[in-house]
N, C-alpha and C. Protein backbone atom coordinates (compact mmCIF):
# COMPACT_ATOMS: atom_id res chain seq x y z
N MET A 1 -2.69 -3.75 10.30
CA MET A 1 -1.99 -4.21 8.36
C MET A 1 -0.57 -3.96 8.85
N LYS A 2 -0.10 -4.81 8.07
CA LYS A 2 1.81 -4.59 8.20
C LYS A 2 1.59 -4.93 6.80
N ILE A 3 2.40 -3.73 5.57
CA ILE A 3 2.12 -4.41 4.45
C ILE A 3 4.08 -4.01 4.01
N LEU A 4 4.26 -5.30 3.06
CA LEU A 4 5.71 -4.43 2.37
C LEU A 4 5.48 -4.13 0.97
N LEU A 5 5.86 -2.98 1.14
CA LEU A 5 6.22 -1.78 -0.38
C LEU A 5 7.61 -2.08 -0.73
N HIS A 6 7.38 -2.62 -2.00
CA HIS A 6 8.49 -2.30 -2.96
C HIS A 6 8.80 -1.32 -3.59
N VAL A 7 9.84 -0.09 -2.96
CA VAL A 7 10.32 1.04 -3.75
C VAL A 7 11.37 0.91 -5.43
N CYS A 8 10.73 1.71 -5.81
CA CYS A 8 11.74 1.46 -7.29
C CYS A 8 12.66 3.39 -7.49
N CYS A 9 11.92 3.70 -6.02
CA CYS A 9 12.64 5.26 -6.25
C CYS A 9 12.18 6.34 -5.45
N ALA A 10 12.70 7.12 -4.52
CA ALA A 10 11.85 8.14 -4.20
C ALA A 10 10.88 8.51 -4.02
N ASN A 11 10.34 9.05 -5.15
CA ASN A 11 10.03 9.59 -6.33
C ASN A 11 8.12 9.45 -6.25
N CYS A 12 8.73 8.15 -6.58
CA CYS A 12 7.22 7.11 -6.62
C CYS A 12 6.74 6.76 -5.45
N ALA A 13 7.67 6.46 -4.77
CA ALA A 13 7.14 6.17 -3.06
C ALA A 13 6.74 6.79 -2.10
N VAL A 14 6.93 8.94 -2.77
CA VAL A 14 6.40 9.54 -1.32
C VAL A 14 4.34 9.14 -1.80
N TYR A 15 3.79 9.63 -2.27
CA TYR A 15 2.21 9.22 -2.62
C TYR A 15 1.65 7.92 -1.74
N PRO A 16 2.48 6.82 -2.61
CA PRO A 16 1.94 5.85 -1.41
C PRO A 16 2.23 5.50 0.07
N MET A 17 3.49 5.61 0.12
CA MET A 17 3.94 5.85 1.94
C MET A 17 3.28 6.61 2.13
N ARG A 18 2.35 7.97 2.01
CA ARG A 18 1.85 8.73 2.80
C ARG A 18 0.13 8.83 3.03
N LYS A 19 0.19 7.36 1.47
CA LYS A 19 -1.41 7.25 1.34
C LYS A 19 -1.88 5.38 2.32
N LEU A 20 -1.05 4.63 2.46
CA LEU A 20 -1.27 4.01 2.46
C LEU A 20 -0.91 4.28 4.71
N GLY A 21 -0.01 5.38 5.52
CA GLY A 21 0.17 5.10 6.41
C GLY A 21 -1.42 6.20 6.81
N GLU A 22 -1.49 6.89 6.04
CA GLU A 22 -3.22 7.79 6.37
C GLU A 22 -4.50 6.12 6.70
N SER A 23 -4.43 5.69 6.42
CA SER A 23 -5.68 4.38 5.99
C SER A 23 -5.31 3.73 7.42
N GLY A 24 -3.43 3.51 7.83
CA GLY A 24 -3.46 3.20 9.11
C GLY A 24 -3.14 1.58 9.16
N VAL A 25 -1.63 1.69 7.32
CA VAL A 25 -1.39 0.42 7.38
C VAL A 25 0.74 1.17 8.24
N GLU A 26 0.65 0.53 8.36
CA GLU A 26 2.27 0.26 9.08
C GLU A 26 3.04 -0.93 8.18
N VAL A 27 3.80 0.64 7.27
CA VAL A 27 4.59 0.58 6.15
C VAL A 27 6.11 0.03 6.29
N LYS A 28 6.19 -1.28 5.67
CA LYS A 28 7.70 -1.54 5.63
C LYS A 28 7.97 -1.96 4.27
N ALA A 29 9.20 -0.81 3.56
CA ALA A 29 9.70 -0.73 2.46
C ALA A 29 11.27 -2.16 1.78
N LEU A 30 11.50 -2.01 1.00
CA LEU A 30 12.04 -3.14 0.60
C LEU A 30 12.81 -2.61 -1.38
N TRP A 31 13.55 -2.14 -0.68
CA TRP A 31 14.80 -1.71 -1.92
C TRP A 31 15.09 -3.38 -2.73
N TYR A 32 14.90 -3.33 -3.92
CA TYR A 32 15.56 -4.21 -4.75
C TYR A 32 14.91 -3.77 -6.21
N ASN A 33 16.10 -3.54 -7.11
CA ASN A 33 16.30 -3.08 -8.61
C ASN A 33 17.03 -2.99 -9.09
N PRO A 34 17.03 -4.09 -9.55
CA PRO A 34 18.58 -4.78 -10.39
C PRO A 34 18.39 -4.60 -11.89
N ASN A 35 17.60 -4.09 -11.84
CA ASN A 35 17.01 -2.79 -13.36
C ASN A 35 17.74 -1.43 -14.04
N ILE A 36 17.90 -0.89 -12.80
CA ILE A 36 17.97 0.32 -13.09
C ILE A 36 20.27 0.76 -13.25
N HIS A 37 19.83 0.89 -14.20
CA HIS A 37 21.08 1.04 -15.16
C HIS A 37 21.18 2.48 -15.51
N PRO A 38 22.66 3.21 -15.90
CA PRO A 38 23.65 2.11 -15.72
C PRO A 38 23.78 2.79 -14.09
N ALA A 39 25.45 2.24 -13.89
CA ALA A 39 25.71 2.23 -12.83
C ALA A 39 26.09 3.55 -11.78
N GLN A 40 25.58 4.66 -12.23
CA GLN A 40 25.49 6.33 -11.58
C GLN A 40 24.44 6.57 -11.31
N GLU A 41 23.48 5.88 -12.33
CA GLU A 41 21.83 5.93 -11.92
C GLU A 41 21.21 5.47 -11.70
N TYR A 42 22.05 4.04 -10.96
CA TYR A 42 21.46 2.93 -10.08
C TYR A 42 21.78 3.93 -8.36
N LEU A 43 22.75 4.48 -8.74
CA LEU A 43 24.01 4.84 -6.67
C LEU A 43 22.60 6.35 -6.67
N LYS A 44 22.34 7.33 -7.90
CA LYS A 44 21.35 8.83 -7.63
C LYS A 44 20.63 8.21 -6.93
N ARG A 45 19.04 6.96 -7.44
CA ARG A 45 18.14 7.11 -7.10
C ARG A 45 17.96 5.57 -5.35
N LEU A 46 19.06 5.46 -6.02
CA LEU A 46 19.45 4.35 -4.20
C LEU A 46 19.63 5.73 -2.85
N GLU A 47 20.62 6.80 -3.65
CA GLU A 47 20.40 7.42 -2.46
C GLU A 47 19.45 8.78 -2.12
N ALA A 48 18.13 8.37 -3.20
CA ALA A 48 17.10 9.92 -3.16
C ALA A 48 16.29 8.66 -2.09
N VAL A 49 16.35 7.15 -2.03
CA VAL A 49 15.78 6.10 -1.14
C VAL A 49 16.17 6.88 0.25
N ARG A 50 17.06 6.60 0.27
CA ARG A 50 18.07 6.54 1.44
C ARG A 50 17.40 8.05 2.09
N GLU A 51 17.45 8.85 2.13
CA GLU A 51 17.64 10.38 2.13
C GLU A 51 15.55 9.43 2.48
N LEU A 52 15.08 9.39 2.01
CA LEU A 52 13.80 9.39 1.97
C LEU A 52 13.38 8.85 3.72
N GLU A 53 13.68 7.03 3.98
CA GLU A 53 13.56 7.11 5.06
C GLU A 53 14.67 7.54 5.86
N ARG A 54 15.46 9.01 6.16
CA ARG A 54 16.12 9.27 6.37
C ARG A 54 15.37 10.28 7.28
N LEU A 55 14.59 11.01 5.91
CA LEU A 55 13.59 12.09 6.44
C LEU A 55 12.59 11.26 6.93
N TRP A 56 11.46 10.82 6.74
CA TRP A 56 10.37 10.00 6.94
C TRP A 56 10.12 8.48 8.27
N LYS A 57 11.48 8.33 8.97
CA LYS A 57 11.62 7.76 9.40
C LYS A 57 11.30 6.40 9.43
N VAL A 58 11.01 5.65 8.11
CA VAL A 58 10.12 5.44 7.03
C VAL A 58 11.08 3.51 7.73
N GLU A 59 11.08 2.78 8.03
CA GLU A 59 11.95 1.08 7.82
C GLU A 59 11.98 0.74 6.25
N ILE A 60 13.27 0.56 5.57
CA ILE A 60 13.45 0.23 3.89
C ILE A 60 14.55 -0.73 4.62
N ALA A 61 14.02 -2.01 4.17
CA ALA A 61 15.38 -3.17 3.84
C ALA A 61 16.08 -2.89 2.87
N TYR A 62 16.78 -3.72 2.31
CA TYR A 62 18.27 -2.68 0.85
C TYR A 62 18.16 -4.61 0.50
N GLN A 63 18.28 -4.20 -0.43
CA GLN A 63 19.05 -5.60 -1.26
C GLN A 63 19.72 -4.75 -2.60
N ASP A 64 21.16 -4.36 -2.02
CA ASP A 64 21.55 -3.23 -2.49
C ASP A 64 23.14 -4.45 -2.86
N HIS A 65 22.16 -4.81 -4.36
CA HIS A 65 23.21 -5.71 -5.81
C HIS A 65 23.16 -4.73 -7.25
N TYR A 66 24.20 -3.66 -7.55
CA TYR A 66 23.83 -3.56 -8.52
C TYR A 66 23.80 -5.21 -9.51
N GLY A 67 22.31 -5.23 -10.33
CA GLY A 67 22.56 -6.29 -11.02
C GLY A 67 22.40 -6.42 -12.76
N LEU A 68 23.61 -5.69 -13.22
CA LEU A 68 24.05 -5.37 -14.57
C LEU A 68 23.58 -7.16 -14.90
N VAL A 69 24.61 -7.45 -14.47
CA VAL A 69 24.14 -8.85 -15.07
C VAL A 69 23.18 -9.98 -15.04
N ASP A 70 22.82 -9.47 -13.65
CA ASP A 70 21.40 -10.36 -13.73
C ASP A 70 20.71 -10.38 -14.84
N PHE A 71 20.05 -8.56 -14.29
CA PHE A 71 19.12 -8.63 -15.42
C PHE A 71 19.12 -8.59 -16.88
N LEU A 72 20.20 -8.28 -17.35
CA LEU A 72 20.64 -8.93 -18.57
C LEU A 72 20.39 -10.23 -19.00
N ALA A 73 21.06 -11.07 -17.78
CA ALA A 73 20.41 -12.45 -18.49
C ALA A 73 19.13 -13.00 -18.39
N LEU A 74 18.63 -11.61 -17.42
CA LEU A 74 16.84 -12.24 -18.26
C LEU A 74 15.71 -11.71 -19.10
N THR A 75 16.47 -10.25 -19.26
CA THR A 75 15.72 -9.83 -19.95
C THR A 75 16.20 -9.14 -21.44
N ALA A 76 17.93 -9.96 -21.81
CA ALA A 76 18.12 -9.07 -22.70
C ALA A 76 17.72 -10.19 -24.54
N GLY A 77 17.45 -11.05 -24.21
CA GLY A 77 16.81 -11.49 -25.46
C GLY A 77 15.43 -11.34 -25.53
N GLU A 78 14.74 -10.48 -25.11
CA GLU A 78 13.33 -9.88 -25.47
C GLU A 78 12.85 -9.69 -26.14
N GLY A 79 13.88 -7.97 -26.03
CA GLY A 79 14.00 -7.10 -27.16
C GLY A 79 13.13 -7.14 -27.64
N GLU A 80 12.14 -7.17 -28.83
CA GLU A 80 11.48 -6.02 -29.09
C GLU A 80 9.81 -7.33 -29.38
N ARG A 81 11.16 -8.53 -29.03
CA ARG A 81 9.67 -9.30 -29.86
C ARG A 81 8.03 -9.98 -28.87
N ALA A 82 7.95 -9.21 -28.05
CA ALA A 82 6.32 -9.15 -27.88
C ALA A 82 6.37 -8.20 -26.72
N GLU A 83 5.29 -7.30 -27.06
CA GLU A 83 4.28 -6.00 -26.41
C GLU A 83 4.90 -6.69 -24.88
N GLY A 84 5.83 -5.90 -24.34
CA GLY A 84 5.63 -5.91 -22.62
C GLY A 84 6.49 -7.06 -21.90
N ALA A 85 7.35 -8.04 -22.79
CA ALA A 85 7.59 -9.24 -22.58
C ALA A 85 9.34 -8.53 -21.84
N ARG A 86 9.89 -7.57 -22.08
CA ARG A 86 11.05 -7.27 -21.23
C ARG A 86 10.26 -6.68 -19.70
N CYS A 87 9.89 -6.46 -20.27
CA CYS A 87 9.01 -5.53 -18.75
C CYS A 87 8.87 -6.44 -17.98
N ARG A 88 7.08 -7.12 -18.65
CA ARG A 88 7.00 -8.55 -17.45
C ARG A 88 7.82 -8.97 -16.34
N ARG A 89 8.80 -9.93 -17.40
CA ARG A 89 10.29 -10.12 -16.78
C ARG A 89 10.53 -9.66 -15.79
N CYS A 90 11.04 -8.27 -16.00
CA CYS A 90 11.61 -7.34 -15.33
C CYS A 90 10.80 -7.17 -13.93
N TYR A 91 9.02 -7.04 -13.97
CA TYR A 91 8.26 -6.90 -13.22
C TYR A 91 8.70 -8.09 -11.97
N ARG A 92 8.61 -8.61 -12.43
CA ARG A 92 8.29 -10.64 -12.31
C ARG A 92 9.49 -10.70 -11.41
N MET A 93 10.70 -10.10 -11.77
CA MET A 93 11.95 -10.52 -11.20
C MET A 93 11.85 -9.33 -9.38
N ARG A 94 11.10 -8.15 -9.93
CA ARG A 94 11.00 -7.60 -8.08
C ARG A 94 10.35 -7.82 -7.42
N LEU A 95 8.91 -8.55 -8.21
CA LEU A 95 7.46 -8.23 -7.32
C LEU A 95 7.56 -10.10 -7.00
N TYR A 96 8.40 -10.85 -6.92
CA TYR A 96 8.34 -12.62 -6.56
C TYR A 96 9.39 -11.96 -5.67
N GLU A 97 10.64 -10.69 -5.24
CA GLU A 97 11.34 -10.66 -4.39
C GLU A 97 10.60 -10.06 -3.42
N THR A 98 9.68 -9.40 -3.62
CA THR A 98 9.13 -8.55 -2.58
C THR A 98 8.28 -9.76 -1.77
N ALA A 99 7.07 -10.51 -2.33
CA ALA A 99 6.37 -11.86 -2.03
C ALA A 99 7.64 -12.06 -0.89
N GLU A 100 8.29 -12.61 -1.76
CA GLU A 100 8.67 -13.90 -0.83
C GLU A 100 9.66 -13.46 0.71
N THR A 101 10.34 -11.84 0.09
CA THR A 101 11.31 -11.41 1.46
C THR A 101 9.58 -10.55 2.77
N ALA A 102 8.61 -10.49 2.45
CA ALA A 102 7.20 -9.90 2.90
C ALA A 102 6.56 -11.37 3.94
N LYS A 103 6.72 -12.43 2.94
CA LYS A 103 6.27 -13.86 3.29
C LYS A 103 7.31 -14.05 4.66
N LYS A 104 8.52 -14.02 4.61
CA LYS A 104 10.01 -13.77 5.87
C LYS A 104 9.30 -13.15 6.32
N MET A 105 9.83 -11.81 6.34
CA MET A 105 9.21 -11.12 7.23
C MET A 105 8.09 -11.18 8.16
N LYS A 106 6.73 -11.88 7.68
CA LYS A 106 5.57 -12.27 8.47
C LYS A 106 4.56 -10.47 8.32
N ALA A 107 4.75 -10.46 6.75
CA ALA A 107 4.28 -8.99 6.75
C ALA A 107 2.17 -10.02 6.60
N ASP A 108 1.40 -9.44 6.50
CA ASP A 108 0.41 -9.61 5.90
C ASP A 108 -0.44 -9.77 4.74
N ALA A 109 0.70 -8.40 3.44
CA ALA A 109 0.64 -8.09 2.32
C ALA A 109 1.61 -7.66 2.29
N PHE A 110 1.55 -7.44 0.48
CA PHE A 110 2.89 -6.96 -0.04
C PHE A 110 1.95 -5.67 -1.52
N THR A 111 3.13 -5.01 -1.92
CA THR A 111 2.44 -3.87 -3.10
C THR A 111 4.28 -3.98 -3.29
N THR A 112 3.60 -2.66 -4.38
CA THR A 112 4.81 -1.47 -4.77
C THR A 112 4.62 -0.20 -5.43
N THR A 113 5.68 0.93 -5.71
CA THR A 113 5.28 1.32 -5.78
C THR A 113 5.84 1.97 -7.60
N LEU A 114 5.79 0.45 -8.68
CA LEU A 114 5.48 0.98 -9.54
C LEU A 114 3.99 1.04 -10.25
N LEU A 115 2.69 0.76 -9.02
CA LEU A 115 1.31 1.31 -9.57
C LEU A 115 0.82 2.42 -9.41
N PHE A 116 1.56 3.48 -9.20
CA PHE A 116 2.28 4.90 -9.21
C PHE A 116 2.23 5.63 -10.20
N SER A 117 3.32 5.53 -11.23
CA SER A 117 3.74 5.67 -12.41
C SER A 117 2.74 5.62 -13.79
N PRO A 118 1.96 6.05 -14.20
CA PRO A 118 1.37 6.16 -15.20
C PRO A 118 1.88 5.50 -16.81
N TYR A 119 3.79 5.61 -16.08
CA TYR A 119 4.32 5.41 -17.54
C TYR A 119 4.71 3.95 -17.23
N GLN A 120 4.16 3.19 -16.63
CA GLN A 120 4.66 1.34 -16.30
C GLN A 120 3.01 1.22 -17.13
N LYS A 121 3.27 -0.11 -16.75
CA LYS A 121 2.58 -1.20 -17.79
C LYS A 121 1.23 -1.74 -16.15
N PHE A 122 0.15 -1.23 -15.51
CA PHE A 122 -0.52 -1.21 -14.99
C PHE A 122 -0.90 -3.12 -15.03
N ASP A 123 -1.44 -3.30 -16.36
CA ASP A 123 -2.25 -4.26 -16.30
C ASP A 123 -1.16 -6.02 -16.08
N ILE A 124 0.27 -5.92 -16.79
CA ILE A 124 1.18 -6.32 -16.72
C ILE A 124 1.76 -5.74 -15.12
N ILE A 125 1.77 -5.64 -14.03
CA ILE A 125 2.17 -5.45 -13.13
C ILE A 125 1.47 -5.99 -12.14
N THR A 126 -0.13 -6.12 -12.18
CA THR A 126 -1.05 -6.19 -11.43
C THR A 126 -0.79 -8.28 -11.46
N ALA A 127 -1.00 -8.57 -13.02
CA ALA A 127 -1.11 -10.26 -13.43
C ALA A 127 0.16 -10.62 -12.86
N GLU A 128 1.68 -10.44 -12.54
CA GLU A 128 2.52 -10.58 -12.23
C GLU A 128 2.55 -10.39 -10.78
N ALA A 129 2.08 -9.68 -10.06
CA ALA A 129 1.47 -9.67 -8.28
C ALA A 129 0.43 -10.75 -8.68
N ALA A 130 0.22 -11.19 -9.12
CA ALA A 130 -0.65 -11.64 -8.63
C ALA A 130 -0.06 -13.53 -9.02
N ALA A 131 0.23 -13.43 -9.95
CA ALA A 131 1.07 -15.05 -9.81
C ALA A 131 2.07 -15.68 -8.38
N ALA A 132 2.17 -13.96 -8.05
CA ALA A 132 3.65 -13.73 -6.84
C ALA A 132 3.00 -14.15 -5.63
N GLU A 133 1.36 -13.58 -5.67
CA GLU A 133 0.79 -13.45 -4.47
C GLU A 133 0.75 -15.64 -4.64
N SER A 134 -0.09 -15.90 -5.23
CA SER A 134 -0.48 -17.12 -5.95
C SER A 134 0.84 -18.18 -5.29
N LEU A 135 2.23 -18.04 -5.76
CA LEU A 135 3.12 -18.80 -5.26
C LEU A 135 3.85 -18.65 -4.23
N PHE A 136 4.10 -17.93 -3.84
CA PHE A 136 4.27 -17.50 -2.13
C PHE A 136 3.24 -17.34 -0.96
N LYS A 137 2.01 -17.51 -1.14
CA LYS A 137 0.82 -17.24 -0.42
C LYS A 137 0.90 -16.26 0.44
N ILE A 138 0.59 -15.12 -0.39
CA ILE A 138 0.61 -13.74 1.01
C ILE A 138 0.19 -12.86 -0.34
N PRO A 139 -0.88 -12.13 0.56
CA PRO A 139 -1.57 -11.20 -0.49
C PRO A 139 -1.16 -10.42 -1.02
N PHE A 140 -1.61 -10.21 -2.01
CA PHE A 140 -1.58 -8.82 -3.16
C PHE A 140 -2.04 -7.63 -2.65
N HIS A 141 -1.19 -6.24 -2.16
CA HIS A 141 -2.84 -5.28 -1.83
C HIS A 141 -2.69 -4.63 -3.27
N LEU A 142 -3.51 -4.29 -3.66
CA LEU A 142 -3.90 -3.51 -5.03
C LEU A 142 -4.03 -2.59 -4.74
N GLU A 143 -3.62 -0.99 -4.65
CA GLU A 143 -4.48 -0.07 -5.50
C GLU A 143 -3.53 0.73 -6.36
N ASP A 144 -4.40 1.58 -7.19
CA ASP A 144 -4.39 2.49 -8.24
C ASP A 144 -3.83 4.19 -7.59
N TRP A 145 -2.63 3.80 -7.31
CA TRP A 145 -2.17 4.88 -7.12
C TRP A 145 -1.75 6.52 -8.17
N ARG A 146 -2.49 5.78 -9.05
CA ARG A 146 -1.81 7.05 -10.66
C ARG A 146 -2.89 8.42 -10.52
N GLU A 147 -3.98 8.18 -9.85
CA GLU A 147 -4.69 9.66 -9.54
C GLU A 147 -3.78 10.61 -8.77
N GLY A 148 -2.57 10.20 -7.96
CA GLY A 148 -1.80 10.84 -7.40
C GLY A 148 -0.95 11.22 -7.52
N PHE A 149 -0.48 11.71 -9.14
CA PHE A 149 1.15 11.13 -10.07
C PHE A 149 1.62 12.40 -9.66
N ARG A 150 -0.06 13.44 -10.34
CA ARG A 150 0.65 14.98 -10.27
C ARG A 150 1.40 15.13 -8.74
N GLU A 151 0.10 14.77 -7.86
CA GLU A 151 1.06 15.39 -6.06
C GLU A 151 1.77 14.46 -6.38
N GLY A 152 2.21 13.13 -5.93
CA GLY A 152 3.69 13.01 -5.68
C GLY A 152 4.96 13.80 -6.87
N GLN A 153 4.66 13.89 -7.06
CA GLN A 153 5.16 14.96 -8.47
C GLN A 153 5.74 16.12 -7.50
N ARG A 154 4.65 16.74 -7.18
CA ARG A 154 5.05 17.68 -5.92
C ARG A 154 6.06 17.66 -4.73
N LEU A 155 5.53 16.58 -4.39
CA LEU A 155 5.63 16.35 -3.17
C LEU A 155 7.65 16.43 -3.10
N SER A 156 7.79 15.65 -3.98
CA SER A 156 9.53 15.08 -4.16
C SER A 156 10.31 16.20 -4.55
N ARG A 157 9.37 17.12 -5.61
CA ARG A 157 9.94 18.23 -5.93
C ARG A 157 10.17 18.81 -4.57
N GLU A 158 9.15 19.12 -4.21
CA GLU A 158 9.60 19.97 -2.51
C GLU A 158 10.97 18.74 -1.82
N LEU A 159 10.59 17.72 -1.29
CA LEU A 159 11.92 17.35 -0.86
C LEU A 159 13.07 17.05 -1.60
N GLY A 160 13.47 17.56 -2.64
CA GLY A 160 14.67 18.10 -2.68
C GLY A 160 15.13 16.46 -3.76
N PHE A 161 14.08 15.27 -4.12
CA PHE A 161 14.82 13.98 -4.55
C PHE A 161 15.08 14.37 -6.19
N TYR A 162 16.27 13.07 -6.09
CA TYR A 162 16.59 13.34 -7.30
C TYR A 162 15.40 13.05 -8.78
N ARG A 163 15.48 13.38 -8.93
CA ARG A 163 14.42 12.67 -9.78
C ARG A 163 15.13 12.03 -11.75
N GLN A 164 14.27 10.97 -11.59
CA GLN A 164 15.20 10.82 -12.82
C GLN A 164 14.44 10.99 -14.04
N ARG A 165 14.69 10.05 -15.53
CA ARG A 165 14.05 11.00 -16.50
C ARG A 165 13.86 9.37 -17.47
N TYR A 166 13.43 8.49 -16.81
CA TYR A 166 13.61 6.99 -17.49
C TYR A 166 13.41 6.22 -16.87
N CYS A 167 12.57 5.21 -17.10
CA CYS A 167 11.92 3.98 -16.45
C CYS A 167 13.33 3.04 -14.87
N GLY A 168 14.45 3.32 -15.72
CA GLY A 168 15.54 2.61 -14.93
C GLY A 168 16.03 1.93 -15.73
N CYS A 169 15.75 1.07 -16.79
CA CYS A 169 16.11 -0.08 -17.51
C CYS A 169 17.18 0.94 -18.77
N ILE A 170 18.40 -0.50 -19.40
CA ILE A 170 19.23 0.46 -20.31
C ILE A 170 18.35 0.46 -21.32
N PHE A 171 17.52 -0.41 -21.01
CA PHE A 171 17.23 -0.54 -22.44
C PHE A 171 15.61 1.03 -22.50
N SER A 172 15.12 1.13 -21.54
CA SER A 172 13.88 2.59 -21.43
C SER A 172 15.52 3.49 -21.72
N GLU A 173 16.25 3.57 -21.15
CA GLU A 173 17.51 4.58 -21.29
C GLU A 173 17.64 4.25 -22.74
N MET A 174 18.12 4.13 -23.27
CA MET A 174 18.31 3.87 -24.84
C MET A 174 16.88 4.47 -25.64
N GLU A 175 15.54 4.42 -25.44
CA GLU A 175 14.55 4.39 -25.66
C GLU A 175 14.02 5.42 -26.02
N ARG A 176 14.37 5.98 -24.35
CA ARG A 176 14.67 7.89 -24.66
C ARG A 176 15.37 8.42 -24.76
N PHE A 177 16.69 8.52 -25.44
CA PHE A 177 17.43 8.58 -26.38
C PHE A 177 16.96 8.78 -28.16
N ILE A 178 16.94 7.53 -28.45
CA ILE A 178 16.21 7.65 -29.93
C ILE A 178 14.51 8.69 -30.38
N LYS A 179 14.30 7.86 -29.29
CA LYS A 179 12.69 8.82 -29.84
C LYS A 179 12.49 10.88 -29.57
N LYS A 180 13.95 11.14 -28.78
CA LYS A 180 14.50 12.34 -28.68
C LYS A 180 15.55 12.64 -30.60
N GLY A 181 15.66 11.34 -31.16
CA GLY A 181 16.44 11.47 -32.55
C GLY A 181 17.47 11.72 -32.49
N GLY A 182 17.93 10.93 -31.38
CA GLY A 182 19.67 10.26 -31.14
C GLY A 182 19.39 9.66 -32.23
N PRO A 183 20.92 8.34 -31.68
CA PRO A 183 20.91 7.10 -33.03
C PRO A 183 19.87 6.49 -32.93
N SER A 184 20.11 5.55 -34.62
CA SER A 184 18.96 4.60 -34.29
C SER A 184 19.54 3.01 -33.89
N LYS A 185 18.03 2.67 -33.32
CA LYS A 185 18.47 1.22 -33.17
C LYS A 185 18.78 0.33 -34.14
N GLU A 186 18.40 0.79 -35.47
CA GLU A 186 19.49 0.11 -36.52
C GLU A 186 20.80 -0.19 -36.10
N PRO A 187 21.46 -1.03 -36.98
CA PRO A 187 22.87 -1.28 -36.61
C PRO A 187 23.46 -1.25 -37.52
N ARG A 188 24.97 -0.96 -37.95
CA ARG A 188 25.74 -0.27 -39.00
C ARG A 188 26.29 -0.84 -39.49
N ALA A 189 26.84 -0.82 -40.51
CA ALA A 189 27.91 -1.76 -41.57
C ALA A 189 29.08 -1.00 -40.69
N LEU A 190 30.19 -2.07 -40.73
CA LEU A 190 31.40 -1.20 -39.87
C LEU A 190 32.19 -1.33 -41.84
């Protein structure tokens, strides 16, 4: 069986790649993450994925496009309107691209490393993956890798990968600093 694995970052990829490999699955990977900002963060994560490719000899296709404009056009209007609305659109963008790529490369299924992190919205990811499966007529391989989160972190540290501190989007970076007592989200009068 050949699976196309969407890779959000090297840290989240090591455990799922290892588990899939141990189960006899042929893993191909796809880097497509126009949600990651700022550009410096995008480049650090991309470099870590390239290092994973080099170390583990895994085949990774790159849609290397710093997509700030595309990402903001898709998500900025969502703000805090509905719980998870912005994340839903971001997951959809990446999962649809992965499903379409998997179909073109004649993979047997597609999946994502987003299912590894306990900080991601698992139910929204699986719902968007099911929609991609239906639209592109390619099976989604659902596997909950969250139980291996600590082990994956350990492996990532051992491999020396860059370790990010937020999901990747500019909104999650903002929320990270606001929660730590940074500037308020409220606009100030000039």
